[in-house]
Amino acid sequence: MGLAKPKLTTQARDCKCYDSSLIHPRFFALEDGISLRVKNRSVIVVFFASFFLCFCTVRFSFQGMKKTRIIDLPDDVIRHISSFLTAKQAAHAQIAAKKWRNLISIIPNREFFVLKSKISGSLNDFVKELLSLHANHRLRRFSLKLPDEGNRPYYNPVNDCLRNVLKRGVLDLELDINAKEDYPLPFEVFTCKSVVTLELGSGFVIDTIPLNASLPALKTLILDSVRFDSLDGGCVFQRLLSACSVLEELVINGRVSDHWNWSRTVSSQTLKRLTISREVLAGDHNEVNSEAISFDTPSLEYLENYDVLRDGYPVVNFNSLVEATFDVFLFFDGGGYDLKNLIQGLQNVQILRCVNVDTMLMFDSSCSSEAIPLFENLLHFEVSTEPDYCWFPLTNVLEKSPNLKTLTIEGCLHFVPQEPVCDCLSGYSFLKLCPIETLKITEFEGDTDCMLHIKLILENLPYLELLELHVQARTDRKLQIMSDLLMLPRASSKCKVQVKF
């Protein structure tokens, strides 16, 4: 079936203007007998709005005039109309007519990256080249990376460059200029309607954003060593998140010694992925920032937290959390940590990874058994271990995980000197009620003590289907280890032992 051609009123034919009420919202005329279906309504809206703006003030003779098609508009008018489009909208418009392919230009990528010093001249040349582009040139992605310099002679050209890029409907913007704290990020960055991915870094401080801040298309925000330092008129960091109405991913990279002046709350109703990565460097131990932090993120599905263990977590809203990875460090011995809300917030998680031994201490006896919720949805649990660390935290989690299917021990089994099995393991009797089907142990030496532990594990896991052992042993012992494992009794008749050397 052919596509219907838009109708014209008598007045529209005489005035050379279309009656927009008679045009189907998904179709518009290009040439006689041809109509185009467009998925993106905004392209049509912008084109027709600009069309009427350009021609409604022009007087026409009402007699002997043929209808004006959009394809017949002057080149300068097409260029003017296209200057209002984002790169994505411009791509749709290019498909609409062959003539427009040469009039509307899309630049996929524009990058500036210098490794060495003395960049002022080359940067200025780059900015001049960018500014010389016609206004109808759209940008999909722009990346600006400058090295760490002793002085900052390039702030003005950098900001001129950014303002120009933002006017071109850029979708992905990456800024890594190693600036000092006094770098003034242009306000246009916080009011860009087109940007979808924004990466800001590094070293500078954001202490204010405009009152009309709005990033309606932003879905991914990456903050690399950027700090926030203002509570005047409200938390600047939270005002930035509030300006991102469709934000789905937030990445915060920095150091454990970074100090923000903020409300210590990450709040977003749309956020689905959150990564907090704070690096520990030499000299940071005396300036560790472990102040309490809250999470009001009801739509969050994926969490990665590489940080110090915070003093407390006053608010934790992880109602939609599916997968969580924790790699937290304890810098202070003893109690004083209030982890109840954090642990309770994890009760809906399906995949949980505790990357280092300190992380497992979150579930230690310092948290009473009543404080650990029932992890009904937990299916996969991965935990790091060391030989001399007791397994009380692990047993606490396993006892509250009635549907756990896969357990991965990243490390070795737990041993104590002059005792076959530590009291904390109780002969592995805590495994009898565990529905675990797959058990993986990544460091297995295969000696007599290890074989005793594996024997007790196999005798106490009634639903086990696969035991996967990564063996660290001499080549001449491989056959003996395999033989010893095959001789061990098993509570589950379905259990298979897989050995990887």
Protein backbone atom coordinates (compact mmCIF):
# COMPACT_ATOMS: atom_id res chain seq x y z
CA MET A 1 0.00 0.00 0.00
CA GLY A 2 1.42 3.39 -0.94
CA LEU A 3 1.96 6.13 1.56
CA ALA A 4 -0.73 8.82 1.65
CA LYS A 5 0.24 12.20 0.30
CA PRO A 6 -0.45 15.13 2.68
CA LYS A 7 -3.45 17.24 1.69
CA LEU A 8 -3.28 21.00 1.18
CA THR A 9 -6.01 23.52 1.82
CA THR A 10 -6.78 26.13 -0.84
CA GLN A 11 -5.27 28.79 1.36
CA ALA A 12 -2.20 26.65 1.94
CA ARG A 13 -1.67 26.20 -1.80
CA ASP A 14 -1.99 29.94 -2.35
CA CYS A 15 0.26 30.93 0.55
CA LYS A 16 2.86 28.30 -0.16
CA CYS A 17 2.41 27.07 3.42
CA TYR A 18 1.21 23.72 4.67
CA ASP A 19 -1.69 23.43 7.08
CA SER A 20 0.09 21.52 9.84
CA SER A 21 -3.18 20.16 11.19
CA LEU A 22 -3.68 18.19 7.96
CA ILE A 23 -0.27 16.57 7.95
CA HIS A 24 0.09 13.14 9.52
CA PRO A 25 2.55 13.36 12.44
CA ARG A 26 4.74 10.62 10.95
CA PHE A 27 4.72 11.79 7.29
CA PHE A 28 5.76 14.87 5.34
CA ALA A 29 6.05 15.61 1.60
CA LEU A 30 9.42 15.78 -0.10
CA GLU A 31 8.62 15.73 -3.81
CA ASP A 32 5.43 15.31 -5.84
CA GLY A 33 3.94 11.90 -5.13
CA ILE A 34 6.51 11.01 -2.47
CA SER A 35 6.01 10.95 1.28
CA LEU A 36 8.47 9.85 3.95
CA ARG A 37 7.76 8.07 7.19
CA VAL A 38 9.97 9.40 10.00
CA LYS A 39 10.33 7.71 13.37
CA ASN A 40 11.68 10.79 15.10
CA ARG A 41 8.84 13.30 15.55
CA SER A 42 11.28 15.97 16.69
CA VAL A 43 12.80 16.15 13.19
CA ILE A 44 9.39 17.02 11.73
CA VAL A 45 8.60 19.48 14.50
CA VAL A 46 11.88 21.35 14.11
CA PHE A 47 11.65 21.47 10.32
CA PHE A 48 8.10 22.74 10.19
CA ALA A 49 8.60 25.19 13.03
CA SER A 50 11.59 26.65 11.26
CA PHE A 51 9.74 26.60 7.93
CA PHE A 52 6.84 28.68 9.25
CA LEU A 53 9.22 30.99 11.11
CA CYS A 54 11.11 31.76 7.91
CA PHE A 55 8.11 32.22 5.60
CA CYS A 56 5.16 33.46 7.64
CA THR A 57 6.49 37.03 7.56
CA VAL A 58 7.03 37.02 3.78
CA ARG A 59 4.33 38.41 1.48
CA PHE A 60 3.27 36.20 -1.40
CA SER A 61 1.16 36.77 -4.48
CA PHE A 62 -1.91 34.55 -4.19
CA GLN A 63 -2.39 34.04 -7.91
CA GLY A 64 -0.52 31.82 -10.31
CA MET A 65 1.72 30.40 -7.60
CA LYS A 66 2.66 26.72 -7.41
CA LYS A 67 2.90 24.98 -4.08
CA THR A 68 6.26 25.11 -2.32
CA ARG A 69 7.78 21.78 -1.37
CA ILE A 70 10.27 21.49 1.46
CA ILE A 71 12.72 20.07 -1.04
CA ASP A 72 12.54 23.39 -2.95
CA LEU A 73 13.58 25.57 -0.02
CA PRO A 74 16.76 27.58 -0.63
CA ASP A 75 20.03 26.02 0.54
CA ASP A 76 20.62 28.74 3.10
CA VAL A 77 17.21 28.08 4.64
CA ILE A 78 17.91 24.33 4.83
CA ARG A 79 21.23 25.04 6.52
CA HIS A 80 19.52 27.39 8.97
CA ILE A 81 16.88 24.80 9.80
CA SER A 82 19.50 22.06 10.25
CA SER A 83 21.41 24.22 12.73
CA PHE A 84 18.65 23.49 15.25
CA LEU A 85 19.07 19.71 14.96
CA THR A 86 21.16 17.38 17.06
CA ALA A 87 23.54 14.97 15.37
CA LYS A 88 20.97 12.19 15.67
CA GLN A 89 18.18 14.31 14.18
CA ALA A 90 20.49 15.48 11.41
CA ALA A 91 21.16 11.85 10.50
CA HIS A 92 17.42 11.27 10.09
CA ALA A 93 17.11 14.41 7.98
CA GLN A 94 19.93 13.30 5.66
CA ILE A 95 17.88 10.25 4.70
CA ALA A 96 14.87 12.37 3.80
CA ALA A 97 16.22 13.75 0.49
CA LYS A 98 19.35 13.35 -1.60
CA LYS A 99 19.81 17.12 -1.79
CA TRP A 100 20.11 17.37 1.98
CA ARG A 101 23.00 14.94 2.19
CA ASN A 102 25.39 17.61 0.94
CA LEU A 103 23.76 20.43 2.90
CA ILE A 104 23.64 18.76 6.31
CA SER A 105 27.00 17.53 7.55
CA ILE A 106 27.58 15.14 10.44
CA ILE A 107 31.06 14.76 11.90
CA PRO A 108 31.22 11.39 13.73
CA ASN A 109 34.19 12.21 15.99
CA ARG A 110 36.44 15.11 16.80
CA GLU A 111 39.33 14.55 19.21
CA PHE A 112 42.23 16.56 20.56
CA PHE A 113 44.84 14.70 22.58
CA VAL A 114 48.36 15.92 23.42
CA LEU A 115 50.89 13.96 25.46
CA LYS A 116 53.59 16.60 25.91
CA SER A 117 53.86 20.18 27.05
CA LYS A 118 53.68 23.36 24.98
CA ILE A 119 50.17 22.68 23.79
CA SER A 120 48.91 26.27 23.58
CA GLY A 121 49.67 26.75 19.90
CA SER A 122 48.26 23.42 18.71
CA LEU A 123 45.18 23.85 20.88
CA ASN A 124 44.50 27.32 19.47
CA ASP A 125 44.86 25.93 15.95
CA PHE A 126 42.44 23.15 16.77
CA VAL A 127 39.90 25.60 18.21
CA LYS A 128 40.19 27.87 15.16
CA GLU A 129 39.56 24.92 12.88
CA LEU A 130 36.52 23.93 14.91
CA LEU A 131 35.11 27.46 14.98
CA SER A 132 35.57 27.74 11.21
CA LEU A 133 33.14 24.88 10.55
CA HIS A 134 29.77 25.88 9.19
CA ALA A 135 26.98 26.07 11.74
CA ASN A 136 25.16 23.15 10.10
CA HIS A 137 27.99 20.73 10.93
CA ARG A 138 26.78 18.44 13.73
CA LEU A 139 29.01 16.43 16.08
CA ARG A 140 28.31 12.96 17.45
CA ARG A 141 31.29 12.66 19.79
CA PHE A 142 33.87 15.14 21.04
CA SER A 143 36.90 14.30 23.20
CA LEU A 144 39.35 16.82 24.62
CA LYS A 145 42.37 15.49 26.57
CA LEU A 146 45.16 17.76 27.78
CA PRO A 147 48.20 16.87 29.92
CA ASP A 148 48.94 18.04 33.43
CA GLU A 149 50.63 21.45 33.14
CA GLY A 150 52.30 23.74 35.65
CA ASN A 151 50.25 26.68 34.44
CA ARG A 152 46.90 26.93 32.71
CA PRO A 153 47.18 29.23 29.66
CA TYR A 154 44.43 27.38 27.79
CA TYR A 155 41.29 27.83 29.92
CA ASN A 156 39.74 30.38 27.52
CA PRO A 157 40.31 28.39 24.30
CA VAL A 158 39.07 25.24 26.05
CA ASN A 159 35.82 26.91 27.05
CA ASP A 160 35.42 28.53 23.60
CA CYS A 161 35.84 25.06 22.15
CA LEU A 162 33.29 23.51 24.52
CA ARG A 163 30.66 26.17 23.87
CA ASN A 164 31.01 25.66 20.13
CA VAL A 165 30.74 21.89 20.44
CA LEU A 166 27.67 22.09 22.65
CA LYS A 167 25.92 24.21 20.00
CA ARG A 168 26.48 21.46 17.44
CA GLY A 169 24.18 18.94 19.10
CA VAL A 170 26.97 16.72 20.42
CA LEU A 171 25.86 13.37 21.83
CA ASP A 172 29.02 12.16 23.61
CA LEU A 173 31.30 14.67 25.35
CA GLU A 174 34.56 13.67 27.06
CA LEU A 175 36.66 16.26 28.89
CA ASP A 176 39.96 15.32 30.55
CA ILE A 177 42.07 18.44 30.96
CA ASN A 178 43.91 17.85 34.27
CA ALA A 179 42.87 21.29 35.44
CA LYS A 180 43.48 22.93 38.79
CA GLU A 181 40.75 23.67 41.28
CA ASP A 182 40.18 27.15 39.86
CA TYR A 183 39.09 25.93 36.41
CA PRO A 184 35.69 27.50 35.57
CA LEU A 185 33.66 24.90 33.70
CA PRO A 186 31.28 26.81 31.34
CA PHE A 187 27.64 26.81 32.42
CA GLU A 188 26.58 25.65 28.95
CA VAL A 189 27.78 22.17 29.93
CA PHE A 190 24.90 21.96 32.44
CA THR A 191 22.20 23.18 30.05
CA CYS A 192 22.95 21.10 26.95
CA LYS A 193 19.80 19.49 25.56
CA SER A 194 21.53 16.95 23.30
CA VAL A 195 24.35 15.31 25.26
CA VAL A 196 23.71 11.66 26.15
CA THR A 197 27.09 10.69 27.63
CA LEU A 198 29.14 13.19 29.63
CA GLU A 199 32.60 12.46 31.07
CA LEU A 200 34.26 15.18 33.16
CA GLY A 201 37.81 15.14 34.50
CA SER A 202 40.10 15.74 36.07
CA GLY A 203 41.26 17.60 39.15
CA PHE A 204 38.96 20.59 39.06
CA VAL A 205 36.20 21.53 41.50
CA ILE A 206 32.56 22.23 40.68
CA ASP A 207 31.25 24.73 43.20
CA THR A 208 28.27 26.12 41.31
CA ILE A 209 25.89 25.24 38.51
CA PRO A 210 23.23 27.49 36.93
CA LEU A 211 19.73 27.64 38.37
CA ASN A 212 18.34 26.54 35.01
CA ALA A 213 20.58 23.46 34.86
CA SER A 214 18.94 20.79 32.72
CA LEU A 215 20.39 17.79 30.91
CA PRO A 216 17.21 16.14 29.61
CA ALA A 217 18.98 13.61 27.34
CA LEU A 218 21.86 12.63 29.64
CA LYS A 219 21.93 8.90 30.41
CA THR A 220 25.57 8.34 31.43
CA LEU A 221 27.57 10.66 33.71
CA ILE A 222 31.22 9.91 34.51
CA LEU A 223 33.05 12.03 37.11
CA ASP A 224 36.78 11.33 37.13
CA SER A 225 38.61 13.04 40.01
CA VAL A 226 36.09 15.88 40.00
CA ARG A 227 35.14 17.26 43.41
CA PHE A 228 32.12 19.22 44.56
CA ASP A 229 32.53 22.02 47.04
CA SER A 230 29.40 23.96 47.83
CA LEU A 231 26.29 23.70 49.97
CA ASP A 232 25.12 27.27 49.33
CA GLY A 233 21.57 27.12 48.05
CA GLY A 234 21.63 23.33 48.30
CA CYS A 235 24.12 20.61 47.49
CA VAL A 236 25.68 21.25 44.06
CA PHE A 237 26.22 17.53 43.46
CA GLN A 238 22.59 16.72 44.18
CA ARG A 239 21.42 19.65 42.04
CA LEU A 240 23.43 18.18 39.17
CA LEU A 241 21.78 14.77 39.60
CA SER A 242 18.36 16.42 39.79
CA ALA A 243 19.05 18.14 36.46
CA CYS A 244 19.48 14.70 34.82
CA SER A 245 15.89 13.54 34.48
CA VAL A 246 16.70 10.32 32.57
CA LEU A 247 20.09 9.44 34.10
CA GLU A 248 20.75 5.69 34.05
CA GLU A 249 24.47 5.31 34.83
CA LEU A 250 26.72 7.21 37.24
CA VAL A 251 30.45 6.61 37.68
CA ILE A 252 32.45 8.37 40.41
CA ASN A 253 36.23 7.87 40.34
CA GLY A 254 38.64 9.41 42.84
CA ARG A 255 40.81 8.81 45.90
CA VAL A 256 39.92 7.88 49.46
CA SER A 257 41.52 11.16 50.57
CA ASP A 258 39.16 13.29 48.44
CA HIS A 259 36.95 15.55 50.53
CA TRP A 260 33.68 16.82 49.09
CA ASN A 261 31.54 19.54 50.60
CA TRP A 262 28.19 17.92 49.90
CA SER A 263 25.09 16.38 51.44
CA ARG A 264 26.70 12.88 51.39
CA THR A 265 23.68 11.50 49.53
CA VAL A 266 23.39 9.88 46.12
CA SER A 267 19.76 10.36 45.13
CA SER A 268 18.22 9.55 41.76
CA GLN A 269 14.89 7.97 40.90
CA THR A 270 16.04 6.80 37.44
CA LEU A 271 19.59 5.57 38.13
CA LYS A 272 20.16 1.92 37.15
CA ARG A 273 23.96 1.51 37.34
CA LEU A 274 26.26 3.05 39.95
CA THR A 275 30.04 2.66 40.21
CA ILE A 276 32.02 4.26 43.04
CA SER A 277 35.76 3.71 42.77
CA ARG A 278 38.02 5.48 45.26
CA GLU A 279 41.67 4.56 44.91
CA VAL A 280 44.10 4.11 47.81
CA LEU A 281 47.51 5.70 47.13
CA ALA A 282 50.64 6.11 49.23
CA GLY A 283 50.08 8.73 51.91
CA ASP A 284 46.29 8.45 51.84
CA HIS A 285 46.07 6.50 55.10
CA ASN A 286 46.34 9.65 57.21
CA GLU A 287 43.64 11.49 55.23
CA VAL A 288 41.02 8.81 54.74
CA ASN A 289 37.51 10.14 54.25
CA SER A 290 35.08 7.56 55.66
CA GLU A 291 32.16 9.82 56.54
CA ALA A 292 28.67 8.32 56.32
CA ILE A 293 26.90 8.15 52.96
CA SER A 294 23.29 7.52 51.91
CA PHE A 295 21.78 5.97 48.79
CA ASP A 296 18.28 6.87 47.66
CA THR A 297 18.25 4.93 44.38
CA PRO A 298 15.07 2.85 44.15
CA SER A 299 15.64 1.89 40.47
CA LEU A 300 19.27 0.82 40.91
CA GLU A 301 19.97 -2.62 39.43
CA TYR A 302 23.77 -2.81 39.32
CA LEU A 303 26.23 -1.56 41.95
CA GLU A 304 30.03 -1.57 42.10
CA ASN A 305 31.52 -0.11 45.27
CA TYR A 306 35.32 0.12 45.59
CA ASP A 307 35.78 2.28 48.65
CA VAL A 308 36.64 2.39 52.34
CA LEU A 309 33.97 1.08 54.66
CA ARG A 310 31.92 4.10 55.67
CA ASP A 311 31.14 5.02 59.26
CA GLY A 312 27.47 4.55 58.54
CA TYR A 313 24.76 4.37 55.89
CA PRO A 314 21.79 6.39 57.22
CA VAL A 315 19.56 5.77 54.18
CA VAL A 316 19.85 2.80 51.81
CA ASN A 317 17.20 2.31 49.13
CA PHE A 318 18.25 -0.60 46.91
CA ASN A 319 14.80 -2.01 46.27
CA SER A 320 15.55 -3.01 42.66
CA LEU A 321 19.15 -4.14 43.14
CA VAL A 322 20.03 -7.31 41.18
CA GLU A 323 23.84 -7.44 41.18
CA ALA A 324 26.32 -5.92 43.65
CA THR A 325 30.10 -5.98 43.91
CA PHE A 326 31.80 -4.75 47.09
CA ASP A 327 35.51 -4.16 47.53
CA VAL A 328 35.73 -2.15 50.74
CA PHE A 329 38.65 -1.67 53.12
CA LEU A 330 38.70 -1.19 56.89
CA PHE A 331 41.19 1.49 57.84
CA PHE A 332 40.25 1.52 61.50
CA ASP A 333 40.26 -1.46 63.85
CA GLY A 334 37.45 -2.15 66.27
CA GLY A 335 33.77 -1.25 66.11
CA GLY A 336 32.14 2.06 65.37
CA TYR A 337 30.68 1.05 62.01
CA ASP A 338 26.91 1.18 61.63
CA LEU A 339 26.23 -1.25 58.79
CA LYS A 340 22.70 -2.37 59.57
CA ASN A 341 21.00 -0.28 56.87
CA LEU A 342 23.56 -1.29 54.24
CA ILE A 343 23.15 -5.01 54.91
CA GLN A 344 19.36 -4.73 55.04
CA GLY A 345 19.46 -2.87 51.72
CA LEU A 346 21.07 -5.89 50.03
CA GLN A 347 18.25 -8.32 50.81
CA ASN A 348 16.85 -8.35 47.24
CA VAL A 349 20.18 -8.92 45.48
CA GLN A 350 20.58 -11.96 43.22
CA ILE A 351 24.34 -11.81 42.60
CA LEU A 352 26.68 -10.68 45.39
CA ARG A 353 30.48 -10.41 45.18
CA CYS A 354 32.69 -9.63 48.17
CA VAL A 355 36.07 -9.03 46.54
CA ASN A 356 38.41 -8.91 49.55
CA VAL A 357 38.52 -10.28 53.07
CA ASP A 358 37.70 -6.93 54.66
CA THR A 359 34.43 -6.88 52.72
CA MET A 360 33.27 -10.12 54.34
CA LEU A 361 33.74 -8.53 57.76
CA MET A 362 30.53 -6.64 57.04
CA PHE A 363 28.77 -9.88 57.92
CA ASP A 364 30.91 -10.68 60.97
CA SER A 365 29.59 -11.29 64.48
CA SER A 366 29.77 -7.53 65.11
CA CYS A 367 26.53 -7.55 63.15
CA SER A 368 24.09 -9.61 65.13
CA SER A 369 22.34 -12.49 63.40
CA GLU A 370 19.11 -10.51 63.56
CA ALA A 371 20.70 -7.68 61.57
CA ILE A 372 21.39 -9.96 58.60
CA PRO A 373 18.25 -10.23 56.47
CA LEU A 374 16.94 -13.28 54.66
CA PHE A 375 18.53 -13.26 51.21
CA GLU A 376 15.67 -15.04 49.47
CA ASN A 377 16.71 -13.95 45.97
CA LEU A 378 20.44 -14.63 46.32
CA LEU A 379 21.50 -17.15 43.66
CA HIS A 380 25.23 -16.50 43.18
CA PHE A 381 27.63 -15.60 45.98
CA GLU A 382 31.34 -14.95 45.48
CA VAL A 383 33.67 -14.36 48.43
CA SER A 384 37.41 -13.81 48.87
CA THR A 385 39.21 -15.75 51.61
CA GLU A 386 42.62 -16.11 53.24
CA PRO A 387 43.92 -19.13 55.21
CA ASP A 388 43.98 -17.47 58.63
CA TYR A 389 40.58 -15.72 58.45
CA CYS A 390 37.68 -17.46 60.17
CA TRP A 391 34.56 -18.24 58.16
CA PHE A 392 31.98 -16.89 60.61
CA PRO A 393 30.91 -14.13 58.18
CA LEU A 394 30.47 -16.68 55.40
CA THR A 395 28.40 -19.03 57.54
CA ASN A 396 26.19 -16.10 58.60
CA VAL A 397 25.33 -15.38 54.95
CA LEU A 398 24.85 -19.03 53.95
CA GLU A 399 22.44 -19.65 56.80
CA LYS A 400 20.26 -16.78 55.47
CA SER A 401 20.37 -17.81 51.79
CA PRO A 402 17.72 -20.51 51.24
CA ASN A 403 17.92 -20.41 47.42
CA LEU A 404 21.66 -20.09 46.82
CA LYS A 405 22.78 -22.10 43.79
CA THR A 406 26.42 -21.14 43.19
CA LEU A 407 29.16 -20.41 45.74
CA THR A 408 32.61 -19.28 44.58
CA ILE A 409 35.53 -19.22 47.01
CA GLU A 410 38.13 -16.83 45.56
CA GLY A 411 41.10 -18.07 47.52
CA CYS A 412 41.89 -21.07 49.66
CA LEU A 413 40.20 -22.95 52.46
CA HIS A 414 40.54 -21.92 56.11
CA PHE A 415 43.20 -23.61 58.24
CA VAL A 416 44.48 -23.18 61.77
CA PRO A 417 47.79 -24.48 63.17
CA GLN A 418 47.74 -27.89 64.90
CA GLU A 419 44.01 -28.41 64.34
CA PRO A 420 42.43 -30.37 61.49
CA VAL A 421 39.36 -28.11 61.26
CA CYS A 422 38.70 -24.74 62.89
CA ASP A 423 35.82 -24.46 65.38
CA CYS A 424 34.19 -21.80 63.20
CA LEU A 425 33.49 -24.49 60.58
CA SER A 426 31.84 -26.99 62.95
CA GLY A 427 32.89 -29.79 60.66
CA TYR A 428 31.09 -27.98 57.79
CA SER A 429 27.77 -29.05 59.28
CA PHE A 430 26.34 -25.62 58.37
CA LEU A 431 26.29 -26.84 54.74
CA LYS A 432 23.70 -29.56 55.33
CA LEU A 433 20.76 -27.26 54.69
CA CYS A 434 22.42 -25.34 51.84
CA PRO A 435 20.84 -25.88 48.39
CA ILE A 436 24.19 -25.17 46.66
CA GLU A 437 24.50 -26.93 43.30
CA THR A 438 27.87 -25.54 42.17
CA LEU A 439 30.91 -24.90 44.38
CA LYS A 440 34.10 -23.36 42.99
CA ILE A 441 37.38 -23.09 44.91
CA THR A 442 40.13 -21.19 43.08
CA GLU A 443 43.14 -22.16 45.27
CA PHE A 444 43.45 -25.83 46.20
CA GLU A 445 46.83 -27.37 47.06
CA GLY A 446 45.72 -31.00 47.24
CA ASP A 447 47.62 -31.98 50.40
CA THR A 448 46.26 -34.12 53.24
CA ASP A 449 44.66 -31.22 55.13
CA CYS A 450 42.95 -29.97 51.96
CA MET A 451 41.60 -33.44 51.22
CA LEU A 452 40.09 -33.64 54.70
CA HIS A 453 38.24 -30.38 54.17
CA ILE A 454 36.97 -31.42 50.74
CA LYS A 455 35.79 -34.73 52.21
CA LEU A 456 33.72 -32.90 54.85
CA ILE A 457 32.32 -30.51 52.23
CA LEU A 458 31.22 -33.33 49.93
CA GLU A 459 29.62 -35.18 52.84
CA ASN A 460 27.54 -32.15 53.84
CA LEU A 461 26.24 -30.78 50.53
CA PRO A 462 23.26 -32.97 49.56
CA TYR A 463 22.34 -31.04 46.40
CA LEU A 464 25.82 -30.47 44.98
CA GLU A 465 26.12 -31.20 41.25
CA LEU A 466 29.56 -29.75 40.47
CA LEU A 467 32.69 -29.21 42.55
CA GLU A 468 35.24 -27.19 40.58
CA LEU A 469 38.76 -27.09 42.00
CA HIS A 470 41.65 -25.01 40.66
CA VAL A 471 44.65 -27.01 41.85
CA GLN A 472 48.02 -25.46 42.62
CA ALA A 473 50.40 -28.41 42.85
CA ARG A 474 53.48 -29.94 41.26
CA THR A 475 53.03 -31.76 37.97
CA ASP A 476 54.10 -35.11 39.46
CA ARG A 477 51.24 -34.95 41.99
CA LYS A 478 48.39 -34.44 39.53
CA LEU A 479 47.49 -38.11 39.14
CA GLN A 480 47.57 -38.72 42.89
CA ILE A 481 45.32 -35.72 43.56
CA MET A 482 42.83 -36.88 40.94
CA SER A 483 42.80 -40.38 42.41
CA ASP A 484 42.28 -39.13 45.97
CA LEU A 485 39.37 -36.90 44.91
CA LEU A 486 37.61 -39.72 43.07
CA MET A 487 37.72 -41.88 46.21
CA LEU A 488 35.97 -39.34 48.45
CA PRO A 489 32.35 -40.15 49.50
CA ARG A 490 29.61 -37.71 48.47
CA ALA A 491 26.21 -36.86 49.89
CA SER A 492 24.90 -36.11 46.39
CA SER A 493 24.80 -38.89 43.79
CA LYS A 494 24.74 -36.23 41.05
CA CYS A 495 28.00 -34.62 42.14
CA LYS A 496 30.86 -34.40 39.65
CA VAL A 497 34.35 -33.19 40.47
CA GLN A 498 36.12 -31.02 37.91
CA VAL A 499 39.80 -30.36 38.41
CA LYS A 500 41.73 -27.57 36.68
CA PHE A 501 45.49 -27.48 37.00
